[in-house]
Amino acid sequence: MSDVANAIFDGADAIMLSAETATGGYPAEAVQTMARIAERAERAVRAPEPARRRPEVVGFPEAISDAARHAALDLGAKVIVAFTQSGFSARLMSQERPDVPIIALTPRVEVQRRLGLSWGVSSRLCRKVETTDEMIEEAEATLLGDGTVCAGDTVVIISGAPMWVTGTTNLLKLHRIGERR
C-alpha cells in the first residue's frame, strides 16, 4: 500500500488496483483502504508552486490556467469552472493543482467520463451554450442546482472564445453567484 501513497506524492491523477488485488478475496475492502491512504497522502502533501514555464511554451491556455489558479486563491473562490469541449481546459487546470475544486462543464458524455481520471476535476454535463451570458447562466444553474455554491460565492470561470473550439482557452471570468454585471 506504500505504492498508493508514493503515487499520490508523485502527483498521480488516478490510482488503480493491480490484477492480483482486484481478483483477490476482498476487492471492496482493498478499494476502501486505497481510498483512505490516498486521502491521507493528499492531506499530507501540499503541492509545491508549479515551476514557471519557459516563455516559448506558454500560450493563452497556459496563461489562463495559471491566472485562474492565482485568482481563485486571491479571491477565496469556491470553485474553478472550466467549460470544455475536449477536456483540454480542465486537464490543463488540473495540472495547476489549485486549492479549490475544478468543475468541468461539457456537453459531451465521453469527455465527462474521461475527466473522472484528472486530479481535482469533477465533471458535469451541460447544454451547449453559445454566448458568455449563457455560459454564466449555465454555470450558476448547474452549481446552485447541485449545492456546490450559494448566492454570493465567488467562482472563477475559464473557457474559449469562440465557444466549443478545442484548444482556444482564452477567457477568464471572475463571477459572484447571483450578480448580473
N, C-alpha and C. Protein backbone atom coordinates (compact mmCIF):
# COMPACT_ATOMS: atom_id res chain seq x y z
N MET A 1 0.81 -1.20 0.00
CA MET A 1 0.00 0.00 0.00
C MET A 1 0.85 1.27 0.00
N SER A 2 2.15 1.13 0.27
CA SER A 2 3.01 2.31 0.17
C SER A 2 3.07 2.80 -1.27
N ASP A 3 2.80 1.91 -2.24
CA ASP A 3 2.75 2.33 -3.64
C ASP A 3 1.65 3.36 -3.86
N VAL A 4 0.54 3.22 -3.14
CA VAL A 4 -0.56 4.18 -3.26
C VAL A 4 -0.09 5.55 -2.78
N ALA A 5 0.49 5.61 -1.61
CA ALA A 5 0.97 6.89 -1.08
C ALA A 5 2.03 7.48 -1.99
N ASN A 6 2.95 6.66 -2.47
CA ASN A 6 4.01 7.16 -3.36
C ASN A 6 3.43 7.71 -4.65
N ALA A 7 2.39 7.09 -5.18
CA ALA A 7 1.75 7.60 -6.39
C ALA A 7 1.18 8.99 -6.14
N ILE A 8 0.55 9.17 -4.97
CA ILE A 8 0.00 10.48 -4.61
C ILE A 8 1.12 11.49 -4.47
N PHE A 9 2.18 11.11 -3.77
CA PHE A 9 3.31 12.03 -3.57
C PHE A 9 3.95 12.42 -4.90
N ASP A 10 3.88 11.51 -5.89
CA ASP A 10 4.45 11.79 -7.21
C ASP A 10 3.51 12.60 -8.10
N GLY A 11 2.29 12.90 -7.60
CA GLY A 11 1.36 13.74 -8.35
C GLY A 11 0.44 13.00 -9.30
N ALA A 12 0.22 11.71 -9.08
CA ALA A 12 -0.65 10.94 -9.97
C ALA A 12 -2.08 11.49 -9.94
N ASP A 13 -2.73 11.46 -11.09
CA ASP A 13 -4.12 11.87 -11.19
C ASP A 13 -5.07 10.77 -10.72
N ALA A 14 -4.66 9.52 -10.90
CA ALA A 14 -5.54 8.39 -10.57
C ALA A 14 -4.68 7.21 -10.11
N ILE A 15 -5.31 6.32 -9.34
CA ILE A 15 -4.67 5.08 -8.92
C ILE A 15 -5.63 3.94 -9.25
N MET A 16 -5.10 2.74 -9.40
CA MET A 16 -5.96 1.60 -9.70
C MET A 16 -5.44 0.35 -9.01
N LEU A 17 -6.34 -0.59 -8.85
CA LEU A 17 -5.97 -1.88 -8.27
C LEU A 17 -5.14 -2.68 -9.25
N SER A 18 -4.21 -3.44 -8.74
CA SER A 18 -3.49 -4.40 -9.59
C SER A 18 -4.43 -5.57 -9.86
N ALA A 19 -4.12 -6.35 -10.86
CA ALA A 19 -4.97 -7.51 -11.20
C ALA A 19 -5.07 -8.47 -10.03
N GLU A 20 -3.96 -8.67 -9.32
CA GLU A 20 -3.96 -9.60 -8.20
C GLU A 20 -4.89 -9.12 -7.09
N THR A 21 -4.84 -7.84 -6.79
CA THR A 21 -5.68 -7.29 -5.72
C THR A 21 -7.14 -7.27 -6.12
N ALA A 22 -7.40 -6.92 -7.38
CA ALA A 22 -8.78 -6.83 -7.86
C ALA A 22 -9.48 -8.18 -7.87
N THR A 23 -8.72 -9.25 -8.10
CA THR A 23 -9.33 -10.58 -8.16
C THR A 23 -9.19 -11.34 -6.85
N GLY A 24 -8.63 -10.70 -5.84
CA GLY A 24 -8.46 -11.33 -4.53
C GLY A 24 -9.79 -11.49 -3.82
N GLY A 25 -9.73 -11.96 -2.60
CA GLY A 25 -10.93 -12.24 -1.83
C GLY A 25 -11.65 -11.02 -1.29
N TYR A 26 -11.00 -9.86 -1.25
CA TYR A 26 -11.60 -8.67 -0.63
C TYR A 26 -11.39 -7.42 -1.48
N PRO A 27 -11.90 -7.41 -2.72
CA PRO A 27 -11.65 -6.25 -3.58
C PRO A 27 -12.29 -4.96 -3.06
N ALA A 28 -13.48 -5.03 -2.49
CA ALA A 28 -14.13 -3.82 -1.97
C ALA A 28 -13.33 -3.22 -0.83
N GLU A 29 -12.86 -4.07 0.06
CA GLU A 29 -12.05 -3.58 1.19
C GLU A 29 -10.73 -3.01 0.69
N ALA A 30 -10.17 -3.59 -0.35
CA ALA A 30 -8.92 -3.08 -0.92
C ALA A 30 -9.12 -1.67 -1.48
N VAL A 31 -10.25 -1.46 -2.16
CA VAL A 31 -10.55 -0.13 -2.70
C VAL A 31 -10.73 0.87 -1.56
N GLN A 32 -11.45 0.49 -0.52
CA GLN A 32 -11.65 1.39 0.63
C GLN A 32 -10.32 1.73 1.29
N THR A 33 -9.46 0.77 1.44
CA THR A 33 -8.14 1.01 2.03
C THR A 33 -7.32 1.94 1.15
N MET A 34 -7.33 1.70 -0.15
CA MET A 34 -6.61 2.58 -1.07
C MET A 34 -7.13 4.00 -0.99
N ALA A 35 -8.45 4.16 -0.91
CA ALA A 35 -9.04 5.50 -0.83
C ALA A 35 -8.60 6.21 0.44
N ARG A 36 -8.60 5.49 1.57
CA ARG A 36 -8.16 6.09 2.84
C ARG A 36 -6.70 6.53 2.76
N ILE A 37 -5.86 5.68 2.20
CA ILE A 37 -4.44 6.02 2.07
C ILE A 37 -4.27 7.24 1.16
N ALA A 38 -4.98 7.24 0.04
CA ALA A 38 -4.87 8.36 -0.90
C ALA A 38 -5.32 9.67 -0.26
N GLU A 39 -6.43 9.63 0.48
CA GLU A 39 -6.93 10.84 1.14
C GLU A 39 -5.93 11.36 2.17
N ARG A 40 -5.36 10.47 2.95
CA ARG A 40 -4.35 10.89 3.95
C ARG A 40 -3.11 11.45 3.27
N ALA A 41 -2.67 10.80 2.21
CA ALA A 41 -1.48 11.27 1.50
C ALA A 41 -1.73 12.64 0.88
N GLU A 42 -2.93 12.85 0.32
CA GLU A 42 -3.24 14.15 -0.27
C GLU A 42 -3.25 15.25 0.79
N ARG A 43 -3.74 14.93 1.99
CA ARG A 43 -3.73 15.92 3.07
C ARG A 43 -2.31 16.22 3.53
N ALA A 44 -1.45 15.22 3.48
CA ALA A 44 -0.07 15.39 3.96
C ALA A 44 0.80 16.15 2.98
N VAL A 45 0.40 16.15 1.74
CA VAL A 45 1.22 16.79 0.71
C VAL A 45 0.60 18.11 0.32
N ARG A 46 1.40 19.12 0.33
CA ARG A 46 0.98 20.41 -0.22
C ARG A 46 1.76 20.57 -1.50
N ALA A 47 1.06 20.60 -2.61
CA ALA A 47 1.75 20.69 -3.90
C ALA A 47 2.61 21.94 -3.95
N PRO A 48 3.85 21.78 -4.38
CA PRO A 48 4.71 22.95 -4.50
C PRO A 48 4.22 23.87 -5.61
N GLU A 49 4.61 25.11 -5.52
CA GLU A 49 4.29 26.07 -6.58
C GLU A 49 4.83 25.51 -7.89
N PRO A 50 3.97 25.38 -8.92
CA PRO A 50 4.48 24.86 -10.18
C PRO A 50 5.62 25.73 -10.71
N ALA A 51 6.61 25.09 -11.28
CA ALA A 51 7.74 25.83 -11.83
C ALA A 51 7.25 26.75 -12.95
N ARG A 52 7.86 27.89 -13.05
CA ARG A 52 7.49 28.81 -14.13
C ARG A 52 7.80 28.14 -15.46
N ARG A 53 6.88 28.27 -16.36
CA ARG A 53 7.09 27.68 -17.68
C ARG A 53 8.07 28.54 -18.48
N ARG A 54 8.73 27.89 -19.41
CA ARG A 54 9.60 28.64 -20.31
C ARG A 54 8.72 29.50 -21.21
N PRO A 55 9.11 30.74 -21.46
CA PRO A 55 8.28 31.64 -22.27
C PRO A 55 7.88 31.07 -23.63
N GLU A 56 8.75 30.27 -24.26
CA GLU A 56 8.43 29.78 -25.60
C GLU A 56 7.33 28.72 -25.61
N VAL A 57 6.97 28.16 -24.46
CA VAL A 57 5.91 27.17 -24.44
C VAL A 57 4.63 27.68 -23.78
N VAL A 58 4.59 28.94 -23.42
CA VAL A 58 3.39 29.49 -22.80
C VAL A 58 2.51 30.11 -23.87
N GLY A 59 1.28 29.62 -23.92
CA GLY A 59 0.29 30.19 -24.81
C GLY A 59 -0.87 30.71 -23.97
N PHE A 60 -1.91 31.16 -24.63
CA PHE A 60 -3.08 31.66 -23.92
C PHE A 60 -3.64 30.63 -22.94
N PRO A 61 -3.83 29.36 -23.36
CA PRO A 61 -4.41 28.40 -22.41
C PRO A 61 -3.61 28.25 -21.12
N GLU A 62 -2.28 28.18 -21.23
CA GLU A 62 -1.44 28.03 -20.04
C GLU A 62 -1.50 29.28 -19.17
N ALA A 63 -1.48 30.44 -19.80
CA ALA A 63 -1.56 31.70 -19.04
C ALA A 63 -2.90 31.82 -18.33
N ILE A 64 -3.97 31.40 -18.99
CA ILE A 64 -5.31 31.46 -18.38
C ILE A 64 -5.39 30.52 -17.19
N SER A 65 -4.89 29.30 -17.31
CA SER A 65 -4.99 28.36 -16.19
C SER A 65 -4.14 28.83 -15.01
N ASP A 66 -2.98 29.39 -15.27
CA ASP A 66 -2.14 29.94 -14.20
C ASP A 66 -2.85 31.11 -13.51
N ALA A 67 -3.42 32.00 -14.31
CA ALA A 67 -4.13 33.16 -13.76
C ALA A 67 -5.37 32.72 -12.98
N ALA A 68 -6.06 31.70 -13.46
CA ALA A 68 -7.26 31.21 -12.77
C ALA A 68 -6.91 30.67 -11.39
N ARG A 69 -5.82 29.92 -11.31
CA ARG A 69 -5.39 29.38 -10.01
C ARG A 69 -5.07 30.51 -9.04
N HIS A 70 -4.32 31.49 -9.51
CA HIS A 70 -3.97 32.62 -8.64
C HIS A 70 -5.21 33.43 -8.24
N ALA A 71 -6.10 33.68 -9.19
CA ALA A 71 -7.32 34.44 -8.89
C ALA A 71 -8.18 33.70 -7.87
N ALA A 72 -8.31 32.39 -8.02
CA ALA A 72 -9.11 31.60 -7.07
C ALA A 72 -8.53 31.71 -5.67
N LEU A 73 -7.22 31.64 -5.56
CA LEU A 73 -6.56 31.75 -4.26
C LEU A 73 -6.73 33.16 -3.69
N ASP A 74 -6.45 34.18 -4.50
CA ASP A 74 -6.51 35.56 -4.03
C ASP A 74 -7.91 35.99 -3.61
N LEU A 75 -8.93 35.50 -4.32
CA LEU A 75 -10.30 35.92 -4.07
C LEU A 75 -11.08 34.97 -3.16
N GLY A 76 -10.47 33.87 -2.78
CA GLY A 76 -11.19 32.89 -1.96
C GLY A 76 -12.34 32.26 -2.71
N ALA A 77 -12.14 32.00 -3.99
CA ALA A 77 -13.20 31.41 -4.82
C ALA A 77 -13.59 30.03 -4.31
N LYS A 78 -14.84 29.71 -4.50
CA LYS A 78 -15.36 28.41 -4.08
C LYS A 78 -14.93 27.30 -5.04
N VAL A 79 -14.96 27.59 -6.34
CA VAL A 79 -14.59 26.61 -7.37
C VAL A 79 -14.01 27.33 -8.58
N ILE A 80 -13.35 26.55 -9.41
CA ILE A 80 -12.95 26.98 -10.75
C ILE A 80 -13.79 26.17 -11.73
N VAL A 81 -14.49 26.85 -12.62
CA VAL A 81 -15.33 26.19 -13.61
C VAL A 81 -14.61 26.23 -14.96
N ALA A 82 -14.48 25.09 -15.60
CA ALA A 82 -13.86 25.01 -16.92
C ALA A 82 -14.89 24.49 -17.91
N PHE A 83 -15.33 25.36 -18.82
CA PHE A 83 -16.18 24.90 -19.92
C PHE A 83 -15.25 24.26 -20.94
N THR A 84 -15.57 23.04 -21.37
CA THR A 84 -14.63 22.32 -22.22
C THR A 84 -15.32 21.41 -23.22
N GLN A 85 -14.82 21.42 -24.42
CA GLN A 85 -15.32 20.55 -25.49
C GLN A 85 -14.57 19.22 -25.49
N SER A 86 -13.26 19.28 -25.26
CA SER A 86 -12.42 18.08 -25.37
C SER A 86 -11.87 17.62 -24.02
N GLY A 87 -11.97 18.47 -22.99
CA GLY A 87 -11.37 18.17 -21.70
C GLY A 87 -10.04 18.88 -21.51
N PHE A 88 -9.53 19.51 -22.55
CA PHE A 88 -8.22 20.16 -22.52
C PHE A 88 -8.14 21.22 -21.42
N SER A 89 -9.12 22.12 -21.36
CA SER A 89 -9.08 23.20 -20.36
C SER A 89 -9.07 22.64 -18.94
N ALA A 90 -9.89 21.65 -18.70
CA ALA A 90 -9.97 21.06 -17.35
C ALA A 90 -8.68 20.33 -16.99
N ARG A 91 -8.11 19.59 -17.94
CA ARG A 91 -6.85 18.89 -17.67
C ARG A 91 -5.70 19.87 -17.44
N LEU A 92 -5.68 20.94 -18.20
CA LEU A 92 -4.65 21.96 -18.01
C LEU A 92 -4.81 22.61 -16.63
N MET A 93 -6.05 22.88 -16.25
CA MET A 93 -6.32 23.45 -14.92
C MET A 93 -5.91 22.47 -13.84
N SER A 94 -6.14 21.19 -14.05
CA SER A 94 -5.76 20.16 -13.10
C SER A 94 -4.25 20.16 -12.85
N GLN A 95 -3.48 20.40 -13.89
CA GLN A 95 -2.02 20.43 -13.75
C GLN A 95 -1.56 21.55 -12.82
N GLU A 96 -2.37 22.58 -12.66
CA GLU A 96 -2.03 23.69 -11.78
C GLU A 96 -2.20 23.33 -10.30
N ARG A 97 -2.94 22.27 -10.02
CA ARG A 97 -3.19 21.82 -8.65
C ARG A 97 -3.73 22.95 -7.76
N PRO A 98 -4.85 23.57 -8.16
CA PRO A 98 -5.39 24.65 -7.34
C PRO A 98 -5.91 24.13 -6.00
N ASP A 99 -6.09 25.05 -5.06
CA ASP A 99 -6.59 24.69 -3.73
C ASP A 99 -8.10 24.55 -3.68
N VAL A 100 -8.78 24.77 -4.80
CA VAL A 100 -10.24 24.65 -4.85
C VAL A 100 -10.61 23.61 -5.90
N PRO A 101 -11.82 23.06 -5.79
CA PRO A 101 -12.25 22.07 -6.78
C PRO A 101 -12.35 22.67 -8.18
N ILE A 102 -12.14 21.83 -9.16
CA ILE A 102 -12.32 22.20 -10.57
C ILE A 102 -13.59 21.50 -11.04
N ILE A 103 -14.54 22.28 -11.53
CA ILE A 103 -15.77 21.72 -12.07
C ILE A 103 -15.71 21.88 -13.59
N ALA A 104 -15.67 20.78 -14.31
CA ALA A 104 -15.65 20.82 -15.77
C ALA A 104 -17.08 20.68 -16.27
N LEU A 105 -17.49 21.60 -17.11
CA LEU A 105 -18.81 21.53 -17.73
C LEU A 105 -18.61 21.26 -19.22
N THR A 106 -19.23 20.20 -19.70
CA THR A 106 -19.07 19.78 -21.09
C THR A 106 -20.39 19.22 -21.61
N PRO A 107 -20.66 19.41 -22.90
CA PRO A 107 -21.86 18.80 -23.47
C PRO A 107 -21.62 17.36 -23.94
N ARG A 108 -20.40 16.86 -23.78
CA ARG A 108 -20.03 15.55 -24.33
C ARG A 108 -19.84 14.51 -23.22
N VAL A 109 -20.64 13.45 -23.27
CA VAL A 109 -20.60 12.39 -22.26
C VAL A 109 -19.22 11.74 -22.18
N GLU A 110 -18.60 11.47 -23.32
CA GLU A 110 -17.29 10.80 -23.29
C GLU A 110 -16.22 11.66 -22.63
N VAL A 111 -16.32 12.98 -22.78
CA VAL A 111 -15.38 13.89 -22.12
C VAL A 111 -15.65 13.90 -20.62
N GLN A 112 -16.92 13.95 -20.25
CA GLN A 112 -17.28 13.92 -18.83
C GLN A 112 -16.70 12.68 -18.17
N ARG A 113 -16.83 11.55 -18.80
CA ARG A 113 -16.32 10.29 -18.22
C ARG A 113 -14.80 10.30 -18.12
N ARG A 114 -14.13 10.73 -19.17
CA ARG A 114 -12.67 10.73 -19.19
C ARG A 114 -12.08 11.65 -18.13
N LEU A 115 -12.74 12.76 -17.86
CA LEU A 115 -12.23 13.72 -16.88
C LEU A 115 -12.28 13.19 -15.46
N GLY A 116 -13.00 12.10 -15.23
CA GLY A 116 -13.02 11.49 -13.91
C GLY A 116 -11.66 11.01 -13.45
N LEU A 117 -10.72 10.89 -14.37
CA LEU A 117 -9.36 10.45 -14.03
C LEU A 117 -8.40 11.61 -13.80
N SER A 118 -8.87 12.83 -13.95
CA SER A 118 -7.99 14.00 -13.78
C SER A 118 -8.05 14.51 -12.35
N TRP A 119 -6.90 14.83 -11.79
CA TRP A 119 -6.76 15.28 -10.41
C TRP A 119 -7.65 16.50 -10.16
N GLY A 120 -8.46 16.43 -9.11
CA GLY A 120 -9.24 17.57 -8.66
C GLY A 120 -10.41 17.97 -9.52
N VAL A 121 -10.72 17.20 -10.56
CA VAL A 121 -11.77 17.56 -11.51
C VAL A 121 -13.03 16.75 -11.25
N SER A 122 -14.13 17.45 -11.12
CA SER A 122 -15.45 16.82 -11.08
C SER A 122 -16.19 17.33 -12.31
N SER A 123 -16.63 16.43 -13.17
CA SER A 123 -17.23 16.86 -14.43
C SER A 123 -18.74 16.68 -14.41
N ARG A 124 -19.38 17.57 -15.14
CA ARG A 124 -20.84 17.55 -15.24
C ARG A 124 -21.23 17.83 -16.70
N LEU A 125 -22.34 17.25 -17.10
CA LEU A 125 -22.86 17.55 -18.43
C LEU A 125 -23.58 18.88 -18.40
N CYS A 126 -23.49 19.61 -19.49
CA CYS A 126 -24.21 20.88 -19.60
C CYS A 126 -24.75 20.99 -21.02
N ARG A 127 -25.63 21.94 -21.20
CA ARG A 127 -26.13 22.19 -22.55
C ARG A 127 -25.05 22.96 -23.32
N LYS A 128 -25.12 22.91 -24.61
CA LYS A 128 -24.13 23.58 -25.45
C LYS A 128 -24.53 25.04 -25.62
N VAL A 129 -23.95 25.90 -24.79
CA VAL A 129 -24.27 27.33 -24.81
C VAL A 129 -23.47 28.01 -25.91
N GLU A 130 -23.93 29.20 -26.31
CA GLU A 130 -23.27 29.89 -27.43
C GLU A 130 -22.70 31.25 -27.05
N THR A 131 -23.11 31.82 -25.94
CA THR A 131 -22.63 33.16 -25.57
C THR A 131 -22.06 33.13 -24.15
N THR A 132 -21.31 34.17 -23.83
CA THR A 132 -20.75 34.29 -22.48
C THR A 132 -21.86 34.40 -21.45
N ASP A 133 -22.91 35.15 -21.75
CA ASP A 133 -24.03 35.27 -20.81
C ASP A 133 -24.68 33.91 -20.56
N GLU A 134 -24.89 33.13 -21.62
CA GLU A 134 -25.46 31.79 -21.46
C GLU A 134 -24.52 30.89 -20.66
N MET A 135 -23.22 31.06 -20.86
CA MET A 135 -22.22 30.28 -20.13
C MET A 135 -22.34 30.55 -18.63
N ILE A 136 -22.43 31.81 -18.26
CA ILE A 136 -22.55 32.17 -16.84
C ILE A 136 -23.86 31.64 -16.26
N GLU A 137 -24.95 31.77 -17.01
CA GLU A 137 -26.24 31.25 -16.55
C GLU A 137 -26.18 29.73 -16.35
N GLU A 138 -25.54 29.03 -17.28
CA GLU A 138 -25.42 27.57 -17.18
C GLU A 138 -24.57 27.18 -15.97
N ALA A 139 -23.48 27.89 -15.76
CA ALA A 139 -22.62 27.60 -14.60
C ALA A 139 -23.40 27.82 -13.31
N GLU A 140 -24.09 28.95 -13.20
CA GLU A 140 -24.87 29.23 -11.99
C GLU A 140 -25.94 28.17 -11.77
N ALA A 141 -26.71 27.87 -12.80
CA ALA A 141 -27.81 26.90 -12.65
C ALA A 141 -27.28 25.54 -12.22
N THR A 142 -26.19 25.10 -12.83
CA THR A 142 -25.62 23.80 -12.50
C THR A 142 -25.09 23.77 -11.08
N LEU A 143 -24.30 24.77 -10.71
CA LEU A 143 -23.64 24.77 -9.40
C LEU A 143 -24.61 25.05 -8.26
N LEU A 144 -25.59 25.93 -8.49
CA LEU A 144 -26.62 26.16 -7.46
C LEU A 144 -27.51 24.93 -7.34
N GLY A 145 -27.82 24.33 -8.49
CA GLY A 145 -28.70 23.16 -8.50
C GLY A 145 -28.16 21.97 -7.75
N ASP A 146 -26.85 21.78 -7.78
CA ASP A 146 -26.28 20.63 -7.07
C ASP A 146 -25.68 21.00 -5.72
N GLY A 147 -25.86 22.25 -5.30
CA GLY A 147 -25.40 22.66 -3.98
C GLY A 147 -23.92 22.95 -3.86
N THR A 148 -23.22 23.02 -4.99
CA THR A 148 -21.78 23.31 -4.96
C THR A 148 -21.51 24.72 -4.47
N VAL A 149 -22.36 25.66 -4.86
CA VAL A 149 -22.19 27.06 -4.45
C VAL A 149 -23.50 27.61 -3.92
N CYS A 150 -23.39 28.76 -3.27
CA CYS A 150 -24.54 29.51 -2.77
C CYS A 150 -24.47 30.92 -3.34
N ALA A 151 -25.58 31.63 -3.29
CA ALA A 151 -25.60 33.02 -3.73
C ALA A 151 -24.52 33.80 -2.99
N GLY A 152 -23.78 34.61 -3.72
CA GLY A 152 -22.72 35.41 -3.13
C GLY A 152 -21.35 34.77 -3.21
N ASP A 153 -21.26 33.46 -3.49
CA ASP A 153 -19.95 32.81 -3.62
C ASP A 153 -19.24 33.31 -4.88
N THR A 154 -17.93 33.39 -4.80
CA THR A 154 -17.12 33.76 -5.94
C THR A 154 -16.68 32.50 -6.67
N VAL A 155 -16.76 32.54 -8.00
CA VAL A 155 -16.27 31.45 -8.83
C VAL A 155 -15.38 32.03 -9.92
N VAL A 156 -14.45 31.21 -10.38
CA VAL A 156 -13.58 31.57 -11.49
C VAL A 156 -13.99 30.68 -12.66
N ILE A 157 -14.28 31.29 -13.80
CA ILE A 157 -14.74 30.55 -14.98
C ILE A 157 -13.71 30.72 -16.09
N ILE A 158 -13.32 29.59 -16.70
CA ILE A 158 -12.45 29.65 -17.87
C ILE A 158 -13.14 28.98 -19.04
N SER A 159 -12.85 29.48 -20.22
CA SER A 159 -13.47 28.96 -21.43
C SER A 159 -12.66 29.43 -22.63
N GLY A 160 -13.16 29.08 -23.78
CA GLY A 160 -12.57 29.55 -25.02
C GLY A 160 -13.58 30.35 -25.80
N ALA A 161 -13.09 31.29 -26.56
CA ALA A 161 -13.94 32.05 -27.47
C ALA A 161 -13.24 32.01 -28.83
N PRO A 162 -13.89 31.46 -29.83
CA PRO A 162 -15.28 31.04 -29.84
C PRO A 162 -15.51 29.79 -28.98
N MET A 163 -16.75 29.68 -28.50
CA MET A 163 -17.11 28.57 -27.63
C MET A 163 -16.98 27.24 -28.38
N TRP A 164 -16.56 26.21 -27.62
CA TRP A 164 -16.54 24.82 -28.05
C TRP A 164 -15.55 24.52 -29.17
N VAL A 165 -14.54 25.35 -29.32
CA VAL A 165 -13.46 25.05 -30.25
C VAL A 165 -12.28 24.58 -29.42
N THR A 166 -11.85 23.35 -29.63
CA THR A 166 -10.79 22.74 -28.83
C THR A 166 -9.50 23.55 -28.89
N GLY A 167 -8.91 23.76 -27.70
CA GLY A 167 -7.61 24.42 -27.61
C GLY A 167 -7.64 25.93 -27.65
N THR A 168 -8.82 26.54 -27.54
CA THR A 168 -8.91 28.01 -27.62
C THR A 168 -9.08 28.67 -26.26
N THR A 169 -8.70 28.04 -25.19
CA THR A 169 -8.89 28.62 -23.86
C THR A 169 -8.23 29.99 -23.81
N ASN A 170 -9.07 31.02 -23.77
CA ASN A 170 -8.55 32.39 -23.80
C ASN A 170 -9.41 33.36 -23.00
N LEU A 171 -10.34 32.82 -22.20
CA LEU A 171 -11.27 33.66 -21.48
C LEU A 171 -11.27 33.29 -20.00
N LEU A 172 -11.17 34.28 -19.15
CA LEU A 172 -11.25 34.09 -17.70
C LEU A 172 -12.27 35.08 -17.17
N LYS A 173 -13.26 34.59 -16.45
CA LYS A 173 -14.32 35.42 -15.90
C LYS A 173 -14.35 35.22 -14.40
N LEU A 174 -14.24 36.31 -13.65
CA LEU A 174 -14.41 36.28 -12.20
C LEU A 174 -15.85 36.65 -11.94
N HIS A 175 -16.56 35.79 -11.22
CA HIS A 175 -18.01 35.98 -11.10
C HIS A 175 -18.48 35.71 -9.68
N ARG A 176 -19.39 36.54 -9.21
CA ARG A 176 -20.04 36.32 -7.93
C ARG A 176 -21.44 35.79 -8.23
N ILE A 177 -21.76 34.62 -7.68
CA ILE A 177 -23.03 33.95 -7.95
C ILE A 177 -24.20 34.87 -7.57
N GLY A 178 -25.11 35.04 -8.52
CA GLY A 178 -26.29 35.86 -8.30
C GLY A 178 -26.16 37.28 -8.80
N GLU A 179 -24.98 37.71 -9.17
CA GLU A 179 -24.78 39.08 -9.67
C GLU A 179 -24.83 39.08 -11.19
N ARG A 180 -25.46 40.09 -11.73
CA ARG A 180 -25.52 40.26 -13.18
C ARG A 180 -24.90 41.61 -13.54
N ARG A 181 -23.63 41.59 -13.94
CA ARG A 181 -22.99 42.82 -14.42
C ARG A 181 -22.12 42.49 -15.59
